[in-house]
Amino acid sequence: MATATPKLALRPFLPEDTPLLAEIFRESILELTGEDYSEAQQEAWIERADDLGDLSHRLGNQLTLIATFDGSPVAFASLAGNTKIDMLYVHPAAAGQGAAALLIDALEKLAGARGAEKLTVDASDTARGFFEKRGYTAQQRNSVSVGDEWLANTTLSRTLAAKPEATKPS
């Protein structure tokens, strides 16, 4: 008997998702960023997910979407205001499966529908190539103090497609 292929879907963030999203955050950093950041930098970065109340507040105050495989969360992304992608984290087991693209496609559409003309993101060195393949261009390099460590990232931006003008019948 044939089995169904798991399907990616999106849903909004709920406060009770926070512990699982903190785990996705941690695992993503630990397993996917080792070539770009030292162990000390990774540990400092991961500590940002230790306070679940702060993380829940941050995600709840932004437009946060969760990508799921067969109902199980595997990735999340958030939009701060209408113009900045704040967070994008994919569980290593789901990396390369399209979850990040699905999330960013949705955030780009929602930002455009809310009137944004361009989006920016402060992308980690690990995520920079993903955004560049999507048409984002580097604007500047940054050094961010996290705990006792400094982490580099790059601010990238992308102009969103203009909404088509409504045509009036002749």
C-alpha atoms as a PDB file:
ATOM      1  CA  MET A   1       0.000   0.000   0.000  1.00  0.00           C
ATOM      2  CA  ALA A   2       1.331   3.447  -0.914  1.00  0.00           C
ATOM      3  CA  THR A   3       1.979   5.976   1.804  1.00  0.00           C
ATOM      4  CA  ALA A   4       1.224   9.659   1.517  1.00  0.00           C
ATOM      5  CA  THR A   5       4.133  12.059   1.261  1.00  0.00           C
ATOM      6  CA  PRO A   6       4.243  14.408   4.254  1.00  0.00           C
ATOM      7  CA  LYS A   7       2.996  17.851   3.325  1.00  0.00           C
ATOM      8  CA  LEU A   8       4.334  21.199   4.392  1.00  0.00           C
ATOM      9  CA  ALA A   9       1.760  23.614   5.726  1.00  0.00           C
ATOM     10  CA  LEU A  10       1.743  26.953   7.508  1.00  0.00           C
ATOM     11  CA  ARG A  11      -0.083  28.099  10.585  1.00  0.00           C
ATOM     12  CA  PRO A  12       0.131  31.071  12.947  1.00  0.00           C
ATOM     13  CA  PHE A  13       2.140  31.073  16.170  1.00  0.00           C
ATOM     14  CA  LEU A  14       0.342  30.251  19.408  1.00  0.00           C
ATOM     15  CA  PRO A  15       1.911  30.994  22.827  1.00  0.00           C
ATOM     16  CA  GLU A  16       1.917  27.286  23.709  1.00  0.00           C
ATOM     17  CA  ASP A  17       4.294  26.718  20.743  1.00  0.00           C
ATOM     18  CA  THR A  18       7.105  28.578  22.522  1.00  0.00           C
ATOM     19  CA  PRO A  19       8.925  25.597  24.110  1.00  0.00           C
ATOM     20  CA  LEU A  20       9.008  23.688  20.812  1.00  0.00           C
ATOM     21  CA  LEU A  21      10.112  26.765  18.845  1.00  0.00           C
ATOM     22  CA  ALA A  22      12.881  27.351  21.410  1.00  0.00           C
ATOM     23  CA  GLU A  23      14.025  23.784  20.717  1.00  0.00           C
ATOM     24  CA  ILE A  24      13.963  24.378  16.932  1.00  0.00           C
ATOM     25  CA  PHE A  25      15.949  27.596  17.542  1.00  0.00           C
ATOM     26  CA  ARG A  26      18.584  25.742  19.604  1.00  0.00           C
ATOM     27  CA  GLU A  27      18.925  22.729  17.303  1.00  0.00           C
ATOM     28  CA  SER A  28      19.129  24.922  14.213  1.00  0.00           C
ATOM     29  CA  ILE A  29      22.008  26.922  15.678  1.00  0.00           C
ATOM     30  CA  LEU A  30      23.841  23.891  17.085  1.00  0.00           C
ATOM     31  CA  GLU A  31      23.646  21.735  13.971  1.00  0.00           C
ATOM     32  CA  LEU A  32      23.539  24.176  11.059  1.00  0.00           C
ATOM     33  CA  THR A  33      25.855  27.079  11.945  1.00  0.00           C
ATOM     34  CA  GLY A  34      29.061  25.274  13.004  1.00  0.00           C
ATOM     35  CA  GLU A  35      30.963  26.144   9.840  1.00  0.00           C
ATOM     36  CA  ASP A  36      30.287  29.864  10.300  1.00  0.00           C
ATOM     37  CA  TYR A  37      30.364  30.419  14.068  1.00  0.00           C
ATOM     38  CA  SER A  38      32.528  29.167  16.933  1.00  0.00           C
ATOM     39  CA  GLU A  39      31.150  26.980  19.702  1.00  0.00           C
ATOM     40  CA  ALA A  40      31.281  29.946  22.110  1.00  0.00           C
ATOM     41  CA  GLN A  41      29.344  32.104  19.628  1.00  0.00           C
ATOM     42  CA  GLN A  42      26.743  29.357  19.165  1.00  0.00           C
ATOM     43  CA  GLU A  43      26.291  28.977  22.934  1.00  0.00           C
ATOM     44  CA  ALA A  44      25.815  32.748  23.392  1.00  0.00           C
ATOM     45  CA  TRP A  45      23.290  32.792  20.540  1.00  0.00           C
ATOM     46  CA  ILE A  46      21.376  29.801  21.929  1.00  0.00           C
ATOM     47  CA  GLU A  47      21.031  31.499  25.326  1.00  0.00           C
ATOM     48  CA  ARG A  48      18.607  33.927  23.671  1.00  0.00           C
ATOM     49  CA  ALA A  49      16.010  31.115  23.723  1.00  0.00           C
ATOM     50  CA  ASP A  50      16.498  30.277  27.409  1.00  0.00           C
ATOM     51  CA  ASP A  51      13.904  32.774  28.667  1.00  0.00           C
ATOM     52  CA  LEU A  52      10.703  31.308  27.238  1.00  0.00           C
ATOM     53  CA  GLY A  53       8.677  34.294  28.444  1.00  0.00           C
ATOM     54  CA  ASP A  54      10.839  36.723  26.482  1.00  0.00           C
ATOM     55  CA  LEU A  55      10.798  34.492  23.399  1.00  0.00           C
ATOM     56  CA  SER A  56       7.017  34.089  23.559  1.00  0.00           C
ATOM     57  CA  HIS A  57       6.596  37.855  23.951  1.00  0.00           C
ATOM     58  CA  ARG A  58       8.898  38.560  20.989  1.00  0.00           C
ATOM     59  CA  LEU A  59       7.164  36.044  18.715  1.00  0.00           C
ATOM     60  CA  GLY A  60       3.702  37.116  19.864  1.00  0.00           C
ATOM     61  CA  ASN A  61       4.396  40.774  19.085  1.00  0.00           C
ATOM     62  CA  GLN A  62       5.393  39.954  15.509  1.00  0.00           C
ATOM     63  CA  LEU A  63       3.670  38.181  12.661  1.00  0.00           C
ATOM     64  CA  THR A  64       5.057  34.701  13.317  1.00  0.00           C
ATOM     65  CA  LEU A  65       4.350  31.721  11.102  1.00  0.00           C
ATOM     66  CA  ILE A  66       5.164  28.083  11.747  1.00  0.00           C
ATOM     67  CA  ALA A  67       5.885  25.532   9.012  1.00  0.00           C
ATOM     68  CA  THR A  68       4.657  22.041   9.806  1.00  0.00           C
ATOM     69  CA  PHE A  69       5.219  18.577   8.322  1.00  0.00           C
ATOM     70  CA  ASP A  70       2.079  16.538   8.900  1.00  0.00           C
ATOM     71  CA  GLY A  71       1.073  18.907  11.687  1.00  0.00           C
ATOM     72  CA  SER A  72       4.428  18.881  13.513  1.00  0.00           C
ATOM     73  CA  PRO A  73       6.313  22.207  13.672  1.00  0.00           C
ATOM     74  CA  VAL A  74       9.666  22.068  11.863  1.00  0.00           C
ATOM     75  CA  ALA A  75      10.455  25.745  11.243  1.00  0.00           C
ATOM     76  CA  PHE A  76       9.310  29.261  12.038  1.00  0.00           C
ATOM     77  CA  ALA A  77       9.795  32.810  10.810  1.00  0.00           C
ATOM     78  CA  SER A  78       8.679  36.206  12.040  1.00  0.00           C
ATOM     79  CA  LEU A  79       8.038  39.596  10.496  1.00  0.00           C
ATOM     80  CA  ALA A  80       8.725  42.675  12.625  1.00  0.00           C
ATOM     81  CA  GLY A  81       6.498  45.537  11.547  1.00  0.00           C
ATOM     82  CA  ASN A  82       5.892  45.164   7.838  1.00  0.00           C
ATOM     83  CA  THR A  83       9.437  45.482   6.625  1.00  0.00           C
ATOM     84  CA  LYS A  84      11.889  43.271   8.536  1.00  0.00           C
ATOM     85  CA  ILE A  85      12.274  39.516   8.702  1.00  0.00           C
ATOM     86  CA  ASP A  86      13.358  39.102  12.307  1.00  0.00           C
ATOM     87  CA  MET A  87      13.702  35.354  12.792  1.00  0.00           C
ATOM     88  CA  LEU A  88      13.978  32.298  10.536  1.00  0.00           C
ATOM     89  CA  TYR A  89      14.913  28.945  12.045  1.00  0.00           C
ATOM     90  CA  VAL A  90      14.553  25.460  10.577  1.00  0.00           C
ATOM     91  CA  HIS A  91      15.033  22.227  12.501  1.00  0.00           C
ATOM     92  CA  PRO A  92      18.060  20.390  11.048  1.00  0.00           C
ATOM     93  CA  ALA A  93      15.928  17.318  10.256  1.00  0.00           C
ATOM     94  CA  ALA A  94      13.821  19.513   7.941  1.00  0.00           C
ATOM     95  CA  ALA A  95      16.657  21.552   6.391  1.00  0.00           C
ATOM     96  CA  GLY A  96      16.526  21.589   2.601  1.00  0.00           C
ATOM     97  CA  GLN A  97      12.907  20.410   2.498  1.00  0.00           C
ATOM     98  CA  GLY A  98      11.356  23.756   1.482  1.00  0.00           C
ATOM     99  CA  ALA A  99      10.121  24.959   4.872  1.00  0.00           C
ATOM    100  CA  ALA A 100      12.245  28.128   4.869  1.00  0.00           C
ATOM    101  CA  ALA A 101      11.178  29.029   1.328  1.00  0.00           C
ATOM    102  CA  LEU A 102       7.513  28.459   2.188  1.00  0.00           C
ATOM    103  CA  LEU A 103       7.809  30.699   5.251  1.00  0.00           C
ATOM    104  CA  ILE A 104       9.654  33.512   3.467  1.00  0.00           C
ATOM    105  CA  ASP A 105       7.280  33.376   0.469  1.00  0.00           C
ATOM    106  CA  ALA A 106       4.382  33.854   2.872  1.00  0.00           C
ATOM    107  CA  LEU A 107       6.054  36.692   4.791  1.00  0.00           C
ATOM    108  CA  GLU A 108       6.926  38.472   1.542  1.00  0.00           C
ATOM    109  CA  LYS A 109       3.308  38.244   0.357  1.00  0.00           C
ATOM    110  CA  LEU A 110       1.936  39.403   3.700  1.00  0.00           C
ATOM    111  CA  ALA A 111       4.407  42.303   3.885  1.00  0.00           C
ATOM    112  CA  GLY A 112       3.471  43.353   0.347  1.00  0.00           C
ATOM    113  CA  ALA A 113      -0.235  43.137   1.155  1.00  0.00           C
ATOM    114  CA  ARG A 114       0.419  45.403   4.148  1.00  0.00           C
ATOM    115  CA  GLY A 115       2.018  48.022   1.915  1.00  0.00           C
ATOM    116  CA  ALA A 116       5.721  47.234   2.307  1.00  0.00           C
ATOM    117  CA  GLU A 117       7.831  48.065  -0.737  1.00  0.00           C
ATOM    118  CA  LYS A 118      10.919  46.219   0.463  1.00  0.00           C
ATOM    119  CA  LEU A 119      12.010  43.745   3.111  1.00  0.00           C
ATOM    120  CA  THR A 120      15.238  43.632   5.057  1.00  0.00           C
ATOM    121  CA  VAL A 121      16.844  40.858   7.075  1.00  0.00           C
ATOM    122  CA  ASP A 122      19.946  40.664   9.247  1.00  0.00           C
ATOM    123  CA  ALA A 123      20.998  37.238   7.994  1.00  0.00           C
ATOM    124  CA  SER A 124      23.509  35.018   9.729  1.00  0.00           C
ATOM    125  CA  ASP A 125      26.477  33.947   7.633  1.00  0.00           C
ATOM    126  CA  THR A 126      24.760  30.537   7.426  1.00  0.00           C
ATOM    127  CA  ALA A 127      21.487  31.982   6.039  1.00  0.00           C
ATOM    128  CA  ARG A 128      23.003  34.644   3.774  1.00  0.00           C
ATOM    129  CA  GLY A 129      23.193  32.404   0.691  1.00  0.00           C
ATOM    130  CA  PHE A 130      19.546  31.362   1.091  1.00  0.00           C
ATOM    131  CA  PHE A 131      18.428  34.999   0.996  1.00  0.00           C
ATOM    132  CA  GLU A 132      20.787  35.940  -1.846  1.00  0.00           C
ATOM    133  CA  LYS A 133      19.321  33.128  -3.991  1.00  0.00           C
ATOM    134  CA  ARG A 134      15.912  34.721  -3.364  1.00  0.00           C
ATOM    135  CA  GLY A 135      17.061  38.090  -4.749  1.00  0.00           C
ATOM    136  CA  TYR A 136      18.126  39.813  -1.539  1.00  0.00           C
ATOM    137  CA  THR A 137      21.226  41.994  -1.887  1.00  0.00           C
ATOM    138  CA  ALA A 138      23.798  42.803   0.784  1.00  0.00           C
ATOM    139  CA  GLN A 139      23.646  46.308   2.241  1.00  0.00           C
ATOM    140  CA  GLN A 140      26.151  46.112   5.110  1.00  0.00           C
ATOM    141  CA  ARG A 141      28.065  43.805   7.444  1.00  0.00           C
ATOM    142  CA  ASN A 142      27.259  43.936  11.148  1.00  0.00           C
ATOM    143  CA  SER A 143      28.871  42.810  14.385  1.00  0.00           C
ATOM    144  CA  VAL A 144      26.321  42.067  17.086  1.00  0.00           C
ATOM    145  CA  SER A 145      27.177  41.668  20.760  1.00  0.00           C
ATOM    146  CA  VAL A 146      25.490  38.575  22.203  1.00  0.00           C
ATOM    147  CA  GLY A 147      26.464  37.827  25.786  1.00  0.00           C
ATOM    148  CA  ASP A 148      30.264  37.874  25.857  1.00  0.00           C
ATOM    149  CA  GLU A 149      30.569  37.134  22.135  1.00  0.00           C
ATOM    150  CA  TRP A 150      30.445  39.091  18.898  1.00  0.00           C
ATOM    151  CA  LEU A 151      28.511  37.552  15.999  1.00  0.00           C
ATOM    152  CA  ALA A 152      28.725  38.760  12.418  1.00  0.00           C
ATOM    153  CA  ASN A 153      25.720  39.002  10.131  1.00  0.00           C
ATOM    154  CA  THR A 154      24.752  40.836   6.968  1.00  0.00           C
ATOM    155  CA  THR A 155      21.852  43.189   6.393  1.00  0.00           C
ATOM    156  CA  LEU A 156      20.236  42.260   3.083  1.00  0.00           C
ATOM    157  CA  SER A 157      17.205  43.760   1.367  1.00  0.00           C
ATOM    158  CA  ARG A 158      14.848  42.966  -1.458  1.00  0.00           C
ATOM    159  CA  THR A 159      12.353  45.139  -3.269  1.00  0.00           C
ATOM    160  CA  LEU A 160       8.970  43.455  -3.292  1.00  0.00           C
ATOM    161  CA  ALA A 161       6.950  43.099  -6.470  1.00  0.00           C
ATOM    162  CA  ALA A 162       4.587  46.017  -6.968  1.00  0.00           C
ATOM    163  CA  LYS A 163       0.935  45.211  -6.560  1.00  0.00           C
ATOM    164  CA  PRO A 164      -0.803  45.246  -9.934  1.00  0.00           C
ATOM    165  CA  GLU A 165      -3.016  48.252 -10.479  1.00  0.00           C
ATOM    166  CA  ALA A 166      -6.716  47.487 -10.646  1.00  0.00           C
ATOM    167  CA  THR A 167      -7.862  47.913 -14.199  1.00  0.00           C
ATOM    168  CA  LYS A 168     -11.055  49.793 -14.908  1.00  0.00           C
ATOM    169  CA  PRO A 169     -13.387  48.538 -17.615  1.00  0.00           C
ATOM    170  CA  SER A 170     -13.484  50.765 -20.685  1.00  0.00           C
END
